[in-house]
């Protein structure tokens, strides 16, 4: 089974950013955004399986604070970050899920 067949959600390239929740850290680009999670660039050597709380900045002025699980991480050979990681969204309340779904629906290619 290919990776695309295993995916439950389609990935979108959006102008979206994230940072650790409750910290005034710089925002980092979030890539391959879906209802299931994001691919994130980071300088932190995250541990697979670790749970984190991030602030996700949606296009426009909205943001969401969500819990994620580190699904995978790999070192980058160079560039703007040391690592890229797959962050899986964990349980969201109905309001958070609706806001994310509305955002993704605006950018989804049909």
PDB file of N, CA and C in Angstrom:
ATOM      1  N   UNK A   1       0.846  -1.180   0.000  1.00  0.00           N
ATOM      2  CA  UNK A   1       0.000   0.000   0.000  1.00  0.00           C
ATOM      3  C   UNK A   1       0.891   1.242   0.000  1.00  0.00           C
ATOM      4  N   UNK A   2       0.612   2.176  -0.884  1.00  0.00           N
ATOM      5  CA  UNK A   2       1.432   3.389  -0.962  1.00  0.00           C
ATOM      6  C   UNK A   2       1.057   4.353   0.154  1.00  0.00           C
ATOM      7  N   UNK A   3       1.924   5.347   0.371  1.00  0.00           N
ATOM      8  CA  UNK A   3       1.664   6.349   1.411  1.00  0.00           C
ATOM      9  C   UNK A   3       0.376   7.093   1.139  1.00  0.00           C
ATOM     10  N   UNK A   4       0.096   7.414  -0.137  1.00  0.00           N
ATOM     11  CA  UNK A   4      -1.133   8.148  -0.450  1.00  0.00           C
ATOM     12  C   UNK A   4      -2.381   7.313  -0.170  1.00  0.00           C
ATOM     13  N   UNK A   5      -2.286   5.977  -0.330  1.00  0.00           N
ATOM     14  CA  UNK A   5      -3.429   5.124  -0.028  1.00  0.00           C
ATOM     15  C   UNK A   5      -3.665   5.016   1.471  1.00  0.00           C
ATOM     16  N   UNK A   6      -2.592   5.154   2.269  1.00  0.00           N
ATOM     17  CA  UNK A   6      -2.719   5.061   3.720  1.00  0.00           C
ATOM     18  C   UNK A   6      -3.288   6.342   4.330  1.00  0.00           C
ATOM     19  N   UNK A   7      -3.178   7.450   3.642  1.00  0.00           N
ATOM     20  CA  UNK A   7      -3.600   8.735   4.197  1.00  0.00           C
ATOM     21  C   UNK A   7      -5.119   8.816   4.277  1.00  0.00           C
ATOM     22  N   UNK A   8      -5.592   9.257   5.413  1.00  0.00           N
ATOM     23  CA  UNK A   8      -7.033   9.439   5.598  1.00  0.00           C
ATOM     24  C   UNK A   8      -7.490  10.801   5.126  1.00  0.00           C
ATOM     25  N   UNK A   9      -6.593  11.770   5.099  1.00  0.00           N
ATOM     26  CA  UNK A   9      -6.944  13.142   4.757  1.00  0.00           C
ATOM     27  C   UNK A   9      -6.015  13.660   3.665  1.00  0.00           C
ATOM     28  N   UNK A  10      -6.566  14.446   2.759  1.00  0.00           N
ATOM     29  CA  UNK A  10      -5.716  15.047   1.729  1.00  0.00           C
ATOM     30  C   UNK A  10      -4.889  16.170   2.343  1.00  0.00           C
ATOM     31  N   UNK A  11      -3.680  16.351   1.818  1.00  0.00           N
ATOM     32  CA  UNK A  11      -2.766  17.383   2.313  1.00  0.00           C
ATOM     33  C   UNK A  11      -2.910  18.626   1.459  1.00  0.00           C
ATOM     34  N   UNK A  12      -2.845  19.789   2.093  1.00  0.00           N
ATOM     35  CA  UNK A  12      -2.948  21.061   1.395  1.00  0.00           C
ATOM     36  C   UNK A  12      -1.740  21.924   1.714  1.00  0.00           C
ATOM     37  N   UNK A  13      -1.346  22.720   0.755  1.00  0.00           N
ATOM     38  CA  UNK A  13      -0.269  23.676   0.968  1.00  0.00           C
ATOM     39  C   UNK A  13      -0.913  25.028   1.251  1.00  0.00           C
ATOM     40  N   UNK A  14      -0.879  25.442   2.503  1.00  0.00           N
ATOM     41  CA  UNK A  14      -1.543  26.671   2.931  1.00  0.00           C
ATOM     42  C   UNK A  14      -0.546  27.622   3.572  1.00  0.00           C
ATOM     43  N   UNK A  15      -0.878  28.914   3.594  1.00  0.00           N
ATOM     44  CA  UNK A  15      -0.039  29.868   4.331  1.00  0.00           C
ATOM     45  C   UNK A  15      -0.339  29.773   5.827  1.00  0.00           C
ATOM     46  N   UNK A  16       0.162  28.715   6.467  1.00  0.00           N
ATOM     47  CA  UNK A  16      -0.144  28.446   7.861  1.00  0.00           C
ATOM     48  C   UNK A  16       1.152  28.335   8.659  1.00  0.00           C
ATOM     49  N   UNK A  17       1.098  28.747   9.927  1.00  0.00           N
ATOM     50  CA  UNK A  17       2.270  28.731  10.790  1.00  0.00           C
ATOM     51  C   UNK A  17       1.897  28.139  12.143  1.00  0.00           C
ATOM     52  N   UNK A  18       2.915  27.781  12.940  1.00  0.00           N
ATOM     53  CA  UNK A  18       2.692  27.234  14.280  1.00  0.00           C
ATOM     54  C   UNK A  18       3.823  27.689  15.187  1.00  0.00           C
ATOM     55  N   UNK A  19       3.623  27.504  16.473  1.00  0.00           N
ATOM     56  CA  UNK A  19       4.670  27.660  17.488  1.00  0.00           C
ATOM     57  C   UNK A  19       4.213  26.919  18.730  1.00  0.00           C
ATOM     58  N   UNK A  20       5.140  26.604  19.631  1.00  0.00           N
ATOM     59  CA  UNK A  20       4.722  25.984  20.890  1.00  0.00           C
ATOM     60  C   UNK A  20       3.719  26.900  21.602  1.00  0.00           C
ATOM     61  N   UNK A  21       2.684  26.318  22.133  1.00  0.00           N
ATOM     62  CA  UNK A  21       1.640  27.104  22.809  1.00  0.00           C
ATOM     63  C   UNK A  21       2.209  27.789  24.044  1.00  0.00           C
ATOM     64  N   UNK A  22       1.696  28.951  24.319  1.00  0.00           N
ATOM     65  CA  UNK A  22       2.017  29.741  25.507  1.00  0.00           C
ATOM     66  C   UNK A  22       3.463  30.252  25.560  1.00  0.00           C
ATOM     67  N   UNK A  23       4.168  30.185  24.444  1.00  0.00           N
ATOM     68  CA  UNK A  23       5.531  30.717  24.370  1.00  0.00           C
ATOM     69  C   UNK A  23       5.569  31.795  23.303  1.00  0.00           C
ATOM     70  N   UNK A  24       6.371  32.777  23.516  1.00  0.00           N
ATOM     71  CA  UNK A  24       6.522  33.824  22.514  1.00  0.00           C
ATOM     72  C   UNK A  24       7.670  33.491  21.563  1.00  0.00           C
ATOM     73  N   UNK A  25       7.697  32.245  21.146  1.00  0.00           N
ATOM     74  CA  UNK A  25       8.710  31.774  20.208  1.00  0.00           C
ATOM     75  C   UNK A  25       8.347  32.234  18.802  1.00  0.00           C
ATOM     76  N   UNK A  26       9.324  32.281  17.914  1.00  0.00           N
ATOM     77  CA  UNK A  26       9.018  32.645  16.525  1.00  0.00           C
ATOM     78  C   UNK A  26       8.083  31.625  15.891  1.00  0.00           C
ATOM     79  N   UNK A  27       7.280  32.095  14.990  1.00  0.00           N
ATOM     80  CA  UNK A  27       6.398  31.193  14.238  1.00  0.00           C
ATOM     81  C   UNK A  27       7.223  30.460  13.186  1.00  0.00           C
ATOM     82  N   UNK A  28       6.829  29.202  12.961  1.00  0.00           N
ATOM     83  CA  UNK A  28       7.466  28.371  11.937  1.00  0.00           C
ATOM     84  C   UNK A  28       6.411  27.940  10.932  1.00  0.00           C
ATOM     85  N   UNK A  29       6.831  27.689   9.713  1.00  0.00           N
ATOM     86  CA  UNK A  29       5.898  27.262   8.670  1.00  0.00           C
ATOM     87  C   UNK A  29       5.374  25.861   8.960  1.00  0.00           C
ATOM     88  N   UNK A  30       4.092  25.693   8.728  1.00  0.00           N
ATOM     89  CA  UNK A  30       3.438  24.380   8.788  1.00  0.00           C
ATOM     90  C   UNK A  30       3.151  23.979   7.341  1.00  0.00           C
ATOM     91  N   UNK A  31       3.538  22.791   6.965  1.00  0.00           N
ATOM     92  CA  UNK A  31       3.360  22.331   5.585  1.00  0.00           C
ATOM     93  C   UNK A  31       2.449  21.106   5.571  1.00  0.00           C
ATOM     94  N   UNK A  32       1.992  20.764   4.389  1.00  0.00           N
ATOM     95  CA  UNK A  32       1.158  19.562   4.213  1.00  0.00           C
ATOM     96  C   UNK A  32       0.063  19.497   5.279  1.00  0.00           C
ATOM     97  N   UNK A  33      -0.721  20.528   5.356  1.00  0.00           N
ATOM     98  CA  UNK A  33      -1.760  20.645   6.373  1.00  0.00           C
ATOM     99  C   UNK A  33      -2.954  19.777   5.986  1.00  0.00           C
ATOM    100  N   UNK A  34      -3.514  19.079   6.958  1.00  0.00           N
ATOM    101  CA  UNK A  34      -4.724  18.283   6.737  1.00  0.00           C
ATOM    102  C   UNK A  34      -5.532  18.274   8.021  1.00  0.00           C
ATOM    103  N   UNK A  35      -6.674  17.651   7.987  1.00  0.00           N
ATOM    104  CA  UNK A  35      -7.507  17.506   9.180  1.00  0.00           C
ATOM    105  C   UNK A  35      -6.810  16.614  10.204  1.00  0.00           C
ATOM    106  N   UNK A  36      -5.837  15.828   9.735  1.00  0.00           N
ATOM    107  CA  UNK A  36      -5.137  14.902  10.622  1.00  0.00           C
ATOM    108  C   UNK A  36      -3.875  15.433  11.263  1.00  0.00           C
ATOM    109  N   UNK A  37      -3.286  16.505  10.672  1.00  0.00           N
ATOM    110  CA  UNK A  37      -2.050  17.021  11.245  1.00  0.00           C
ATOM    111  C   UNK A  37      -1.296  17.917  10.288  1.00  0.00           C
ATOM    112  N   UNK A  38      -0.028  18.167  10.622  1.00  0.00           N
ATOM    113  CA  UNK A  38       0.833  19.033   9.821  1.00  0.00           C
ATOM    114  C   UNK A  38       2.238  18.449   9.751  1.00  0.00           C
ATOM    115  N   UNK A  39       2.991  18.905   8.755  1.00  0.00           N
ATOM    116  CA  UNK A  39       4.434  18.662   8.714  1.00  0.00           C
ATOM    117  C   UNK A  39       5.069  19.969   9.160  1.00  0.00           C
ATOM    118  N   UNK A  40       5.943  19.905  10.140  1.00  0.00           N
ATOM    119  CA  UNK A  40       6.484  21.114  10.757  1.00  0.00           C
ATOM    120  C   UNK A  40       8.000  21.110  10.727  1.00  0.00           C
ATOM    121  N   UNK A  41       8.589  22.272  10.550  1.00  0.00           N
ATOM    122  CA  UNK A  41      10.037  22.445  10.677  1.00  0.00           C
ATOM    123  C   UNK A  41      10.331  22.935  12.083  1.00  0.00           C
ATOM    124  N   UNK A  42      11.396  22.390  12.678  1.00  0.00           N
ATOM    125  CA  UNK A  42      11.758  22.731  14.052  1.00  0.00           C
ATOM    126  C   UNK A  42      13.253  22.567  14.260  1.00  0.00           C
ATOM    127  N   UNK A  43      13.777  23.249  15.245  1.00  0.00           N
ATOM    128  CA  UNK A  43      15.164  23.042  15.649  1.00  0.00           C
ATOM    129  C   UNK A  43      15.252  22.101  16.849  1.00  0.00           C
ATOM    130  N   UNK A  44      14.112  21.683  17.370  1.00  0.00           N
ATOM    131  CA  UNK A  44      14.054  20.806  18.544  1.00  0.00           C
ATOM    132  C   UNK A  44      14.074  19.337  18.119  1.00  0.00           C
ATOM    133  N   UNK A  45      14.872  18.533  18.791  1.00  0.00           N
ATOM    134  CA  UNK A  45      14.929  17.098  18.533  1.00  0.00           C
ATOM    135  C   UNK A  45      13.756  16.440  19.264  1.00  0.00           C
ATOM    136  N   UNK A  46      12.599  16.501  18.649  1.00  0.00           N
ATOM    137  CA  UNK A  46      11.384  15.954  19.267  1.00  0.00           C
ATOM    138  C   UNK A  46      11.459  14.437  19.340  1.00  0.00           C
ATOM    139  N   UNK A  47      10.704  13.865  20.265  1.00  0.00           N
ATOM    140  CA  UNK A  47      10.680  12.414  20.464  1.00  0.00           C
ATOM    141  C   UNK A  47       9.381  11.861  19.889  1.00  0.00           C
ATOM    142  N   UNK A  48       9.513  10.848  19.031  1.00  0.00           N
ATOM    143  CA  UNK A  48       8.316  10.220  18.464  1.00  0.00           C
ATOM    144  C   UNK A  48       7.425   9.730  19.598  1.00  0.00           C
ATOM    145  N   UNK A  49       6.153  10.037  19.510  1.00  0.00           N
ATOM    146  CA  UNK A  49       5.185   9.659  20.532  1.00  0.00           C
ATOM    147  C   UNK A  49       4.936  10.750  21.562  1.00  0.00           C
ATOM    148  N   UNK A  50       5.820  11.742  21.620  1.00  0.00           N
ATOM    149  CA  UNK A  50       5.646  12.833  22.597  1.00  0.00           C
ATOM    150  C   UNK A  50       4.400  13.645  22.255  1.00  0.00           C
ATOM    151  N   UNK A  51       3.750  14.125  23.296  1.00  0.00           N
ATOM    152  CA  UNK A  51       2.580  14.986  23.128  1.00  0.00           C
ATOM    153  C   UNK A  51       2.992  16.425  23.398  1.00  0.00           C
ATOM    154  N   UNK A  52       2.516  17.314  22.544  1.00  0.00           N
ATOM    155  CA  UNK A  52       2.827  18.733  22.644  1.00  0.00           C
ATOM    156  C   UNK A  52       1.554  19.547  22.498  1.00  0.00           C
ATOM    157  N   UNK A  53       1.614  20.767  22.946  1.00  0.00           N
ATOM    158  CA  UNK A  53       0.523  21.713  22.704  1.00  0.00           C
ATOM    159  C   UNK A  53       1.099  22.809  21.820  1.00  0.00           C
ATOM    160  N   UNK A  54       0.442  23.050  20.667  1.00  0.00           N
ATOM    161  CA  UNK A  54       0.922  24.074  19.748  1.00  0.00           C
ATOM    162  C   UNK A  54      -0.176  25.090  19.484  1.00  0.00           C
ATOM    163  N   UNK A  55       0.253  26.267  19.081  1.00  0.00           N
ATOM    164  CA  UNK A  55      -0.671  27.286  18.594  1.00  0.00           C
ATOM    165  C   UNK A  55      -0.537  27.276  17.075  1.00  0.00           C
ATOM    166  N   UNK A  56      -1.637  27.042  16.402  1.00  0.00           N
ATOM    167  CA  UNK A  56      -1.673  26.949  14.951  1.00  0.00           C
ATOM    168  C   UNK A  56      -2.310  28.228  14.411  1.00  0.00           C
ATOM    169  N   UNK A  57      -1.576  28.936  13.563  1.00  0.00           N
ATOM    170  CA  UNK A  57      -2.063  30.194  13.008  1.00  0.00           C
ATOM    171  C   UNK A  57      -2.660  29.929  11.635  1.00  0.00           C
ATOM    172  N   UNK A  58      -3.964  30.073  11.537  1.00  0.00           N
ATOM    173  CA  UNK A  58      -4.675  29.836  10.290  1.00  0.00           C
ATOM    174  C   UNK A  58      -4.535  31.056   9.391  1.00  0.00           C
ATOM    175  N   UNK A  59      -4.733  30.883   8.075  1.00  0.00           N
ATOM    176  CA  UNK A  59      -4.711  32.055   7.193  1.00  0.00           C
ATOM    177  C   UNK A  59      -5.727  33.092   7.686  1.00  0.00           C
ATOM    178  N   UNK A  60      -5.374  34.333   7.635  1.00  0.00           N
ATOM    179  CA  UNK A  60      -6.217  35.379   8.216  1.00  0.00           C
ATOM    180  C   UNK A  60      -5.713  35.671   9.616  1.00  0.00           C
ATOM    181  N   UNK A  61      -6.622  35.908  10.528  1.00  0.00           N
ATOM    182  CA  UNK A  61      -6.207  36.285  11.890  1.00  0.00           C
ATOM    183  C   UNK A  61      -6.573  35.263  12.949  1.00  0.00           C
ATOM    184  N   UNK A  62      -7.050  34.113  12.561  1.00  0.00           N
ATOM    185  CA  UNK A  62      -7.468  33.103  13.534  1.00  0.00           C
ATOM    186  C   UNK A  62      -6.276  32.246  13.981  1.00  0.00           C
ATOM    187  N   UNK A  63      -6.363  31.755  15.198  1.00  0.00           N
ATOM    188  CA  UNK A  63      -5.399  30.760  15.664  1.00  0.00           C
ATOM    189  C   UNK A  63      -6.134  29.738  16.517  1.00  0.00           C
ATOM    190  N   UNK A  64      -5.557  28.563  16.601  1.00  0.00           N
ATOM    191  CA  UNK A  64      -6.094  27.468  17.413  1.00  0.00           C
ATOM    192  C   UNK A  64      -4.981  26.947  18.303  1.00  0.00           C
ATOM    193  N   UNK A  65      -5.296  26.610  19.532  1.00  0.00           N
ATOM    194  CA  UNK A  65      -4.351  25.900  20.389  1.00  0.00           C
ATOM    195  C   UNK A  65      -4.806  24.450  20.406  1.00  0.00           C
ATOM    196  N   UNK A  66      -3.927  23.562  19.936  1.00  0.00           N
ATOM    197  CA  UNK A  66      -4.290  22.152  19.782  1.00  0.00           C
ATOM    198  C   UNK A  66      -3.211  21.253  20.367  1.00  0.00           C
ATOM    199  N   UNK A  67      -3.617  20.073  20.783  1.00  0.00           N
ATOM    200  CA  UNK A  67      -2.698  19.046  21.243  1.00  0.00           C
ATOM    201  C   UNK A  67      -2.311  18.183  20.048  1.00  0.00           C
ATOM    202  N   UNK A  68      -1.022  17.838  19.970  1.00  0.00           N
ATOM    203  CA  UNK A  68      -0.515  17.013  18.884  1.00  0.00           C
ATOM    204  C   UNK A  68       0.369  15.910  19.454  1.00  0.00           C
ATOM    205  N   UNK A  69       0.584  14.901  18.628  1.00  0.00           N
ATOM    206  CA  UNK A  69       1.512  13.811  18.941  1.00  0.00           C
ATOM    207  C   UNK A  69       2.555  13.791  17.843  1.00  0.00           C
ATOM    208  N   UNK A  70       3.824  13.653  18.213  1.00  0.00           N
ATOM    209  CA  UNK A  70       4.893  13.562  17.219  1.00  0.00           C
ATOM    210  C   UNK A  70       4.812  12.177  16.577  1.00  0.00           C
ATOM    211  N   UNK A  71       4.455  12.130  15.292  1.00  0.00           N
ATOM    212  CA  UNK A  71       4.303  10.865  14.581  1.00  0.00           C
ATOM    213  C   UNK A  71       5.628  10.394  13.988  1.00  0.00           C
ATOM    214  N   UNK A  72       6.457  11.322  13.550  1.00  0.00           N
ATOM    215  CA  UNK A  72       7.766  11.007  12.980  1.00  0.00           C
ATOM    216  C   UNK A  72       8.634  12.256  13.013  1.00  0.00           C
ATOM    217  N   UNK A  73       9.937  12.059  12.913  1.00  0.00           N
ATOM    218  CA  UNK A  73      10.879  13.180  12.838  1.00  0.00           C
ATOM    219  C   UNK A  73      12.078  12.724  12.036  1.00  0.00           C
ATOM    220  N   UNK A  74      12.641  13.663  11.255  1.00  0.00           N
ATOM    221  CA  UNK A  74      13.868  13.360  10.520  1.00  0.00           C
ATOM    222  C   UNK A  74      14.724  14.618  10.442  1.00  0.00           C
ATOM    223  N   UNK A  75      16.030  14.382  10.454  1.00  0.00           N
ATOM    224  CA  UNK A  75      16.984  15.484  10.397  1.00  0.00           C
ATOM    225  C   UNK A  75      17.046  16.016   8.970  1.00  0.00           C
ATOM    226  N   UNK A  76      17.125  17.329   8.854  1.00  0.00           N
ATOM    227  CA  UNK A  76      17.259  17.979   7.551  1.00  0.00           C
ATOM    228  C   UNK A  76      18.739  18.250   7.281  1.00  0.00           C
ATOM    229  N   UNK A  77      19.171  18.108   6.042  1.00  0.00           N
ATOM    230  CA  UNK A  77      20.584  18.309   5.732  1.00  0.00           C
ATOM    231  C   UNK A  77      21.029  19.772   5.787  1.00  0.00           C
ATOM    232  N   UNK A  78      20.126  20.688   5.807  1.00  0.00           N
ATOM    233  CA  UNK A  78      20.465  22.110   5.857  1.00  0.00           C
ATOM    234  C   UNK A  78      19.205  22.920   5.622  1.00  0.00           C
ATOM    235  N   UNK A  79      19.320  24.197   5.752  1.00  0.00           N
ATOM    236  CA  UNK A  79      18.154  25.029   5.501  1.00  0.00           C
ATOM    237  C   UNK A  79      17.738  25.817   6.715  1.00  0.00           C
ATOM    238  N   UNK A  80      16.456  26.093   6.806  1.00  0.00           N
ATOM    239  CA  UNK A  80      15.945  26.981   7.854  1.00  0.00           C
ATOM    240  C   UNK A  80      15.670  26.278   9.178  1.00  0.00           C
ATOM    241  N   UNK A  81      15.792  24.956   9.227  1.00  0.00           N
ATOM    242  CA  UNK A  81      15.538  24.210  10.467  1.00  0.00           C
ATOM    243  C   UNK A  81      16.399  22.952  10.496  1.00  0.00           C
ATOM    244  N   UNK A  82      16.607  22.415  11.689  1.00  0.00           N
ATOM    245  CA  UNK A  82      17.408  21.190  11.838  1.00  0.00           C
ATOM    246  C   UNK A  82      16.608  19.929  11.552  1.00  0.00           C
ATOM    247  N   UNK A  83      15.275  19.989  11.798  1.00  0.00           N
ATOM    248  CA  UNK A  83      14.427  18.805  11.659  1.00  0.00           C
ATOM    249  C   UNK A  83      13.113  19.165  10.975  1.00  0.00           C
ATOM    250  N   UNK A  84      12.462  18.135  10.437  1.00  0.00           N
ATOM    251  CA  UNK A  84      11.058  18.242  10.079  1.00  0.00           C
ATOM    252  C   UNK A  84      10.348  17.099  10.786  1.00  0.00           C
ATOM    253  N   UNK A  85       9.104  17.361  11.177  1.00  0.00           N
ATOM    254  CA  UNK A  85       8.366  16.372  11.968  1.00  0.00           C
ATOM    255  C   UNK A  85       6.918  16.336  11.523  1.00  0.00           C
ATOM    256  N   UNK A  86       6.334  15.166  11.609  1.00  0.00           N
ATOM    257  CA  UNK A  86       4.907  15.002  11.390  1.00  0.00           C
ATOM    258  C   UNK A  86       4.211  15.121  12.733  1.00  0.00           C
ATOM    259  N   UNK A  87       3.304  16.085  12.846  1.00  0.00           N
ATOM    260  CA  UNK A  87       2.554  16.306  14.088  1.00  0.00           C
ATOM    261  C   UNK A  87       1.100  15.941  13.852  1.00  0.00           C
ATOM    262  N   UNK A  88       0.640  14.925  14.541  1.00  0.00           N
ATOM    263  CA  UNK A  88      -0.728  14.432  14.400  1.00  0.00           C
ATOM    264  C   UNK A  88      -1.635  15.153  15.393  1.00  0.00           C
ATOM    265  N   UNK A  89      -2.736  15.725  14.890  1.00  0.00           N
ATOM    266  CA  UNK A  89      -3.694  16.362  15.781  1.00  0.00           C
ATOM    267  C   UNK A  89      -4.364  15.311  16.648  1.00  0.00           C
ATOM    268  N   UNK A  90      -4.467  15.611  17.937  1.00  0.00           N
ATOM    269  CA  UNK A  90      -5.196  14.744  18.854  1.00  0.00           C
ATOM    270  C   UNK A  90      -6.615  15.289  18.991  1.00  0.00           C
ATOM    271  N   UNK A  91      -7.339  14.832  19.945  1.00  0.00           N
ATOM    272  CA  UNK A  91      -8.738  15.225  20.132  1.00  0.00           C
ATOM    273  C   UNK A  91      -8.902  16.745  20.154  1.00  0.00           C
ATOM    274  N   UNK A  92      -9.817  17.226  19.327  1.00  0.00           N
ATOM    275  CA  UNK A  92     -10.175  18.651  19.312  1.00  0.00           C
ATOM    276  C   UNK A  92     -11.619  18.775  19.750  1.00  0.00           C
ATOM    277  N   UNK A  93     -11.951  19.910  20.368  1.00  0.00           N
ATOM    278  CA  UNK A  93     -13.359  20.116  20.679  1.00  0.00           C
ATOM    279  C   UNK A  93     -14.085  20.489  19.385  1.00  0.00           C
ATOM    280  N   UNK A  94     -15.405  20.489  19.428  1.00  0.00           N
ATOM    281  CA  UNK A  94     -16.205  20.712  18.226  1.00  0.00           C
ATOM    282  C   UNK A  94     -15.921  22.071  17.587  1.00  0.00           C
ATOM    283  N   UNK A  95     -15.710  23.090  18.388  1.00  0.00           N
ATOM    284  CA  UNK A  95     -15.426  24.422  17.861  1.00  0.00           C
ATOM    285  C   UNK A  95     -14.095  24.485  17.139  1.00  0.00           C
ATOM    286  N   UNK A  96     -13.069  23.876  17.724  1.00  0.00           N
ATOM    287  CA  UNK A  96     -11.750  23.851  17.082  1.00  0.00           C
ATOM    288  C   UNK A  96     -11.816  23.102  15.753  1.00  0.00           C
ATOM    289  N   UNK A  97     -12.447  21.939  15.775  1.00  0.00           N
ATOM    290  CA  UNK A  97     -12.545  21.123  14.565  1.00  0.00           C
ATOM    291  C   UNK A  97     -13.298  21.872  13.466  1.00  0.00           C
ATOM    292  N   UNK A  98     -14.369  22.557  13.827  1.00  0.00           N
ATOM    293  CA  UNK A  98     -15.157  23.302  12.839  1.00  0.00           C
ATOM    294  C   UNK A  98     -14.333  24.435  12.232  1.00  0.00           C
ATOM    295  N   UNK A  99     -13.560  25.147  13.054  1.00  0.00           N
ATOM    296  CA  UNK A  99     -12.732  26.242  12.534  1.00  0.00           C
ATOM    297  C   UNK A  99     -11.661  25.714  11.577  1.00  0.00           C
ATOM    298  N   UNK A 100     -11.028  24.614  11.939  1.00  0.00           N
ATOM    299  CA  UNK A 100     -10.021  24.028  11.061  1.00  0.00           C
ATOM    300  C   UNK A 100     -10.670  23.526   9.771  1.00  0.00           C
ATOM    301  N   UNK A 101     -11.796  22.854   9.877  1.00  0.00           N
ATOM    302  CA  UNK A 101     -12.487  22.339   8.698  1.00  0.00           C
ATOM    303  C   UNK A 101     -12.891  23.465   7.748  1.00  0.00           C
ATOM    304  N   UNK A 102     -13.390  24.584   8.285  1.00  0.00           N
ATOM    305  CA  UNK A 102     -13.766  25.725   7.437  1.00  0.00           C
ATOM    306  C   UNK A 102     -12.547  26.268   6.705  1.00  0.00           C
ATOM    307  N   UNK A 103     -11.449  26.378   7.402  1.00  0.00           N
ATOM    308  CA  UNK A 103     -10.216  26.876   6.803  1.00  0.00           C
ATOM    309  C   UNK A 103      -9.769  25.947   5.674  1.00  0.00           C
ATOM    310  N   UNK A 104      -9.726  24.653   5.921  1.00  0.00           N
ATOM    311  CA  UNK A 104      -9.284  23.694   4.910  1.00  0.00           C
ATOM    312  C   UNK A 104     -10.229  23.674   3.714  1.00  0.00           C
ATOM    313  N   UNK A 105     -11.524  23.801   3.955  1.00  0.00           N
ATOM    314  CA  UNK A 105     -12.502  23.786   2.871  1.00  0.00           C
ATOM    315  C   UNK A 105     -12.295  24.960   1.906  1.00  0.00           C
ATOM    316  N   UNK A 106     -11.855  26.097   2.422  1.00  0.00           N
ATOM    317  CA  UNK A 106     -11.611  27.266   1.562  1.00  0.00           C
ATOM    318  C   UNK A 106     -10.489  27.016   0.571  1.00  0.00           C
ATOM    319  N   UNK A 107      -9.546  26.180   0.929  1.00  0.00           N
ATOM    320  CA  UNK A 107      -8.358  25.959   0.092  1.00  0.00           C
ATOM    321  C   UNK A 107      -8.371  24.632  -0.648  1.00  0.00           C
ATOM    322  N   UNK A 108      -9.318  23.779  -0.335  1.00  0.00           N
ATOM    323  CA  UNK A 108      -9.328  22.437  -0.937  1.00  0.00           C
ATOM    324  C   UNK A 108      -9.640  22.516  -2.409  1.00  0.00           C
ATOM    325  N   UNK A 109      -8.875  21.767  -3.180  1.00  0.00           N
ATOM    326  CA  UNK A 109      -9.091  21.679  -4.617  1.00  0.00           C
ATOM    327  C   UNK A 109     -10.045  20.523  -4.877  1.00  0.00           C
ATOM    328  N   UNK A 110     -11.121  20.799  -5.564  1.00  0.00           N
ATOM    329  CA  UNK A 110     -12.100  19.739  -5.827  1.00  0.00           C
ATOM    330  C   UNK A 110     -12.049  19.285  -7.246  1.00  0.00           C
TER     331      UNK A 110
END
